[in-house]
Protein backbone atom coordinates (compact mmCIF):
# COMPACT_ATOMS: atom_id res chain seq x y z
CA MET A 1 0.06 0.02 -0.04
CA ARG A 2 1.00 3.63 -0.42
CA ARG A 3 -0.44 7.08 -0.56
CA LEU A 4 -0.54 8.72 -3.89
CA ILE A 5 -2.16 12.15 -4.49
CA MET A 6 -4.04 12.69 -7.56
CA THR A 7 -2.94 16.30 -8.00
CA ALA A 8 0.41 15.13 -9.22
CA ALA A 9 -1.06 13.09 -12.18
CA ALA A 10 -1.26 15.92 -14.72
CA GLY A 11 2.41 16.81 -14.07
CA LEU A 12 3.50 13.22 -14.36
CA ALA A 13 1.73 12.86 -17.60
CA LEU A 14 3.79 15.91 -18.94
CA LEU A 15 6.99 14.31 -17.56
CA LEU A 16 6.38 11.12 -19.24
CA ALA A 17 5.48 12.67 -22.57
CA SER A 18 8.61 14.76 -22.61
CA SER A 19 10.77 11.90 -21.41
CA CYS A 20 9.38 9.17 -23.88
CA THR A 21 10.01 11.01 -27.08
CA GLY A 22 12.17 9.20 -29.51
CA PRO A 23 13.16 5.51 -29.54
CA ALA A 24 13.09 4.95 -25.82
CA ALA A 25 13.47 1.23 -26.36
CA GLU A 26 16.83 1.44 -27.98
CA GLY A 27 19.48 -0.30 -26.06
CA VAL A 28 17.13 -1.56 -23.35
CA ALA A 29 18.61 -4.88 -22.10
CA ASP A 30 16.74 -7.79 -20.59
CA PRO A 31 15.90 -6.33 -17.00
CA SER A 32 16.20 -9.96 -15.56
CA ALA A 33 19.95 -9.80 -15.95
CA PRO A 34 21.60 -7.82 -13.03
CA SER A 35 23.71 -4.96 -14.21
CA ASN A 36 27.41 -5.05 -12.97
CA GLN A 37 27.56 -1.44 -13.76
CA GLY A 38 24.69 -0.83 -11.38
CA GLU A 39 26.30 -2.82 -8.58
CA ILE A 40 29.58 -0.69 -8.89
CA ALA A 41 27.64 2.42 -8.93
CA ALA A 42 25.79 1.50 -5.70
CA THR A 43 29.09 2.02 -3.74
CA ASP A 44 29.01 5.71 -4.66
CA VAL A 45 25.44 6.62 -3.76
CA ALA A 46 24.77 8.73 -0.71
CA LEU A 47 22.44 7.47 1.94
CA PRO A 48 20.13 9.69 4.06
CA PRO A 49 21.26 11.05 7.41
CA THR A 50 19.84 9.05 10.31
CA SER A 51 19.00 12.11 12.46
CA GLY A 52 17.32 15.42 12.02
CA VAL A 53 13.86 16.16 10.49
CA LEU A 54 11.92 13.94 8.09
CA ASP A 55 8.95 14.86 6.12
CA TYR A 56 6.74 12.92 3.63
CA GLN A 57 5.32 15.39 1.08
CA LEU A 58 3.55 13.46 -1.68
CA GLY A 59 0.35 15.71 -1.50
CA GLY A 60 2.09 19.07 -1.61
CA ALA A 61 5.61 20.35 -1.20
CA TYR A 62 6.62 23.08 1.34
CA ASP A 63 10.23 23.80 2.32
CA VAL A 64 10.12 24.42 6.19
CA LEU A 65 8.13 23.30 9.09
CA ASP A 66 6.31 25.76 11.49
CA ALA A 67 7.45 24.64 14.91
CA GLY A 68 5.67 27.01 17.42
CA GLY A 69 6.22 30.07 15.13
CA ALA A 70 9.80 29.30 14.22
CA ALA A 71 10.79 27.90 10.96
CA THR A 72 12.54 24.56 11.21
CA PRO A 73 14.46 23.18 8.24
CA ILE A 74 13.83 19.77 6.80
CA ASP A 75 16.72 17.39 6.62
CA VAL A 76 15.12 14.49 4.75
CA VAL A 77 12.13 14.77 2.45
CA VAL A 78 10.07 12.49 0.04
CA ARG A 79 8.47 14.25 -2.82
CA ASP A 80 6.64 13.15 -6.00
CA ALA A 81 8.73 12.81 -9.19
CA THR A 82 6.82 15.78 -10.49
CA ALA A 83 7.94 18.14 -7.79
CA ASP A 84 11.41 19.64 -7.21
CA PRO A 85 13.86 18.45 -4.65
CA LEU A 86 14.33 20.50 -1.53
CA PRO A 87 17.65 22.58 -1.61
CA GLY A 88 19.77 21.63 1.24
CA ALA A 89 17.97 18.45 2.20
CA TYR A 90 18.35 14.85 1.29
CA SER A 91 15.50 14.42 -1.24
CA VAL A 92 13.78 11.23 -2.22
CA CYS A 93 11.85 11.15 -5.47
CA TYR A 94 8.70 8.94 -5.39
CA VAL A 95 7.99 6.89 -8.51
CA ASN A 96 5.12 4.41 -8.75
CA GLY A 97 6.96 1.62 -10.41
CA PHE A 98 4.37 -1.21 -10.51
CA GLN A 99 1.19 0.57 -11.06
CA THR A 100 -0.15 3.46 -13.27
CA GLN A 101 -0.62 6.92 -11.93
CA PRO A 102 -4.17 8.29 -11.49
CA GLY A 103 -5.07 10.10 -14.68
CA ASP A 104 -2.59 8.44 -16.74
CA ALA A 105 -4.55 5.67 -18.36
CA ASP A 106 -4.06 7.14 -21.82
CA LEU A 107 -0.36 6.51 -21.47
CA TRP A 108 -0.79 2.82 -20.98
CA THR A 109 -4.01 1.77 -22.79
CA GLY A 110 -3.97 1.33 -26.44
CA GLU A 111 -0.56 0.31 -27.81
CA ARG A 112 0.79 -0.20 -24.43
CA GLU A 113 -2.09 -2.31 -23.01
CA ASP A 114 0.08 -5.53 -23.23
CA LEU A 115 2.13 -4.07 -20.32
CA LEU A 116 -1.00 -4.02 -18.07
CA LEU A 117 -2.21 -6.93 -16.10
CA HIS A 118 -5.32 -8.75 -17.28
CA ASP A 119 -7.50 -11.09 -15.47
CA ALA A 120 -8.70 -14.65 -16.58
CA GLY A 121 -11.35 -13.09 -18.65
CA GLY A 122 -8.96 -10.67 -20.41
CA GLU A 123 -10.22 -7.56 -18.53
CA LEU A 124 -7.75 -4.88 -17.25
CA VAL A 125 -7.06 -5.26 -13.58
CA VAL A 126 -7.10 -2.24 -11.19
CA ASP A 127 -6.02 -1.90 -7.76
CA PRO A 128 -9.27 -2.26 -5.57
CA ASP A 129 -7.89 0.33 -3.17
CA TRP A 130 -6.95 2.71 -5.93
CA PRO A 131 -9.42 2.14 -8.73
CA ASP A 132 -8.01 4.75 -11.05
CA GLU A 133 -4.68 2.82 -11.12
CA TYR A 134 -4.06 -0.12 -13.45
CA VAL A 135 -1.70 -2.71 -12.31
CA LEU A 136 1.53 -3.22 -14.46
CA ASP A 137 2.54 -6.80 -15.58
CA PRO A 138 6.28 -7.23 -15.45
CA SER A 139 5.96 -11.03 -15.93
CA THR A 140 7.99 -11.33 -19.25
CA PRO A 141 11.22 -9.67 -20.42
CA GLU A 142 9.28 -7.88 -23.20
CA GLN A 143 6.89 -6.49 -20.77
CA ARG A 144 9.59 -5.41 -18.47
CA ALA A 145 11.34 -3.68 -21.32
CA GLY A 146 8.15 -2.02 -22.25
CA ILE A 147 7.56 -0.65 -18.74
CA LEU A 148 10.97 0.66 -18.58
CA GLU A 149 10.58 2.58 -21.79
CA VAL A 150 7.96 4.64 -19.86
CA LEU A 151 9.32 4.70 -16.46
CA GLY A 152 13.01 4.38 -16.91
CA PRO A 153 13.27 8.13 -17.96
CA VAL A 154 11.19 9.19 -14.87
CA VAL A 155 13.73 7.38 -12.65
CA SER A 156 16.69 9.00 -14.53
CA GLY A 157 14.73 12.30 -14.56
CA CYS A 158 14.79 12.20 -10.63
CA ALA A 159 18.63 12.42 -10.80
CA ASP A 160 18.52 15.07 -13.55
CA ALA A 161 16.29 17.20 -11.18
CA GLY A 162 18.69 16.86 -8.24
CA PHE A 163 17.17 14.24 -6.09
CA ASP A 164 19.32 12.03 -3.92
CA ALA A 165 17.35 8.72 -3.96
CA VAL A 166 14.33 7.23 -5.64
CA GLU A 167 11.49 5.45 -3.80
CA ILE A 168 9.92 2.70 -5.95
CA ASP A 169 6.33 2.07 -4.86
CA ASN A 170 4.11 -0.94 -5.23
CA LEU A 171 6.86 -3.56 -5.20
CA ASP A 172 4.27 -5.88 -3.51
CA THR A 173 1.91 -6.23 -6.49
CA TRP A 174 3.05 -9.83 -6.96
CA THR A 175 1.75 -10.68 -3.51
CA ARG A 176 -1.61 -9.01 -4.13
CA PHE A 177 -2.34 -10.21 -7.70
CA ASP A 178 -1.79 -13.98 -8.35
CA ARG A 179 -1.28 -13.51 -12.11
CA ILE A 180 1.91 -11.48 -11.66
CA ALA A 181 5.10 -13.70 -11.66
CA GLU A 182 7.26 -13.10 -8.64
CA ASP A 183 10.41 -13.50 -10.52
CA GLY A 184 9.25 -10.96 -13.02
CA ALA A 185 8.41 -8.42 -10.35
CA HIS A 186 11.85 -8.94 -8.82
CA ALA A 187 13.53 -8.58 -12.02
CA LEU A 188 11.80 -5.21 -12.78
CA ALA A 189 12.69 -4.10 -9.18
CA ARG A 190 16.29 -4.99 -9.88
CA ALA A 191 16.23 -2.93 -13.21
CA TYR A 192 14.94 0.02 -11.37
CA VAL A 193 17.72 -0.32 -8.87
CA ASP A 194 20.35 -0.59 -11.60
CA LEU A 195 18.79 2.54 -13.40
CA ALA A 196 18.91 4.44 -10.11
CA HIS A 197 22.45 3.47 -9.32
CA ASP A 198 23.73 4.29 -12.82
CA ALA A 199 22.27 7.76 -12.35
CA GLY A 200 23.82 8.15 -8.88
CA LEU A 201 20.69 7.74 -6.97
CA ALA A 202 20.24 5.59 -3.86
CA ALA A 203 17.21 3.18 -4.17
CA ALA A 204 14.60 2.76 -1.57
CA GLN A 205 12.57 -0.26 -1.07
CA LYS A 206 8.86 0.77 -0.44
CA ASN A 207 7.04 -1.44 2.02
CA ALA A 208 6.94 -5.24 1.22
CA ALA A 209 8.27 -6.24 4.72
CA GLU A 210 8.24 -9.94 3.68
CA ILE A 211 11.08 -9.48 1.23
CA THR A 212 13.43 -7.01 2.95
CA ARG A 213 16.30 -9.45 2.95
CA THR A 214 15.84 -10.30 -0.82
CA ALA A 215 15.35 -6.64 -1.61
CA HIS A 216 18.52 -5.63 0.09
CA ASP A 217 20.80 -8.58 -0.59
CA ASP A 218 19.59 -9.81 -4.14
CA LEU A 219 17.74 -6.69 -5.68
CA GLY A 220 20.23 -4.21 -4.40
CA PHE A 221 18.10 -1.61 -2.50
CA ASP A 222 20.03 0.63 -0.17
CA LEU A 223 17.32 1.99 2.30
CA ALA A 224 13.73 1.40 2.90
CA VAL A 225 10.61 3.61 3.20
CA THR A 226 7.84 1.97 5.12
CA GLU A 227 4.30 3.03 5.93
CA GLU A 228 2.38 1.66 9.06
CA CYS A 229 5.06 -0.81 10.14
CA ALA A 230 4.18 -0.13 13.71
CA VAL A 231 0.51 -0.87 13.01
CA TRP A 232 1.50 -4.19 11.36
CA ASP A 233 4.29 -4.85 13.94
CA GLU A 234 6.91 -5.28 11.25
CA CYS A 235 9.33 -2.46 11.83
CA ALA A 236 12.00 -4.88 12.85
CA ALA A 237 11.83 -6.49 9.26
CA TYR A 238 13.13 -3.35 8.03
CA THR A 239 15.54 -2.16 10.71
CA ASP A 240 17.16 -5.63 11.06
CA VAL A 241 18.08 -5.36 7.37
CA TYR A 242 18.81 -1.74 6.64
CA GLY A 243 19.65 -0.59 10.15
CA ASP A 244 19.12 3.11 10.69
CA HIS A 245 18.55 3.73 7.01
CA VAL A 246 14.77 3.39 7.20
CA LEU A 247 12.21 6.17 6.70
CA GLN A 248 9.12 5.41 8.62
CA VAL A 249 5.65 6.95 8.03
CA GLU A 250 2.71 6.42 10.14
CA TYR A 251 -1.00 7.64 9.97
CA PRO A 252 -3.41 8.66 12.63
CA ASP A 253 -6.40 6.70 11.42
CA ALA A 254 -4.51 3.37 11.20
CA LEU A 255 -3.02 3.85 14.61
CA ALA A 256 -6.51 4.63 16.05
CA GLU A 257 -7.80 1.47 14.34
CA ALA A 258 -4.91 -0.54 15.93
CA GLY A 259 -5.66 0.91 19.40
CA THR A 260 -2.28 2.45 19.64
CA THR A 261 -0.83 5.94 19.58
CA PHE A 262 2.00 7.80 18.10
CA ASP A 263 3.67 7.98 21.57
CA ASP A 264 3.57 4.14 21.63
CA VAL A 265 5.26 4.14 18.24
CA CYS A 266 7.98 6.40 19.41
CA ALA A 267 8.67 4.20 22.47
CA ARG A 268 9.23 1.07 20.36
CA ASP A 269 12.77 -0.24 20.16
CA ASP A 270 12.46 -1.44 16.62
CA ARG A 271 11.23 2.03 15.18
CA ALA A 272 13.31 3.86 12.55
CA PRO A 273 15.42 6.81 13.89
CA LEU A 274 13.54 8.96 11.43
CA THR A 275 9.71 8.28 12.06
CA VAL A 276 7.02 10.76 11.10
CA LEU A 277 3.35 10.94 11.65
CA ARG A 278 1.47 12.31 8.70
CA ASP A 279 -2.15 12.89 7.74
CA ARG A 280 -3.60 10.23 5.33
CA GLY A 281 -3.89 12.85 2.48
CA LEU A 282 -0.46 14.07 3.00
CA VAL A 283 -1.64 17.57 2.32
CA ALA A 284 0.65 20.55 2.33
CA ALA A 285 1.23 22.57 5.50
CA GLY A 286 -1.48 25.08 6.13
CA GLU A 287 -4.18 23.05 4.25
CA PRO A 288 -7.24 21.61 6.09
CA GLY A 289 -6.53 18.23 7.59
CA TYR A 290 -2.72 18.71 7.82
CA VAL A 291 -1.10 16.57 10.53
CA ARG A 292 2.51 16.12 11.24
CA ASP A 293 4.52 14.98 14.32
CA ALA A 294 7.81 13.24 14.76
CA CYS A 295 9.46 11.02 17.36
């Protein structure tokens, strides 16, 4: 699961359109094959600081926090690929790597429809929690290459924009949709990591606690971004593998449903050093419903 805000969709459509001009498929190798170049590049990427101020800003960007009337600078921030990185902060670029963006159906249907997951009856599959998002199907090398024609330039564009890392979302689709091949999903994830490393970006695993060891050791992810790990009692799955390089996000509604509080989260031994509480909509500071707290 992840929280994606629809206001970014139009910007991403423009980003994809500008990135995908020309023969994007030229030179795309089988993503199933690990890239030695990517492995070498991984030694050069910078990881986020493990102390300071974290914010998760997918719903709207802002540059400082208002802490009792005093402007507090942000040290680590996650923003959508359509936003700009925050100068002076370690900036992570959000990319929806395994599902389509809201409002971007026209980029994928038609001639790219073979890259989308179909059910047994041949109908396109949508995420039931996000019904305006189609699910990508990375099961074959040809499908993975086609997906990378579209989203590969988005990942490299994060580096061009000045981000430090990329967060690849919806890695867990193979656990939620039986028709997706696990090895195909892993191969696409590895391809994203290689692209990130080749561009000088660190690669962040997003959720999917059940494969943290595989994601780190075999797929090459450098850090993790986790939502609701305290609610699901799975924070140790990330911190045991990535150590302090975990960015943890919790939501008030999920904590309430679980019968716990953010104070309880902050008291956990297995929580990440950088743990933030955000409103479900991830709205910008000053907008109705805005919530932010940190351990």
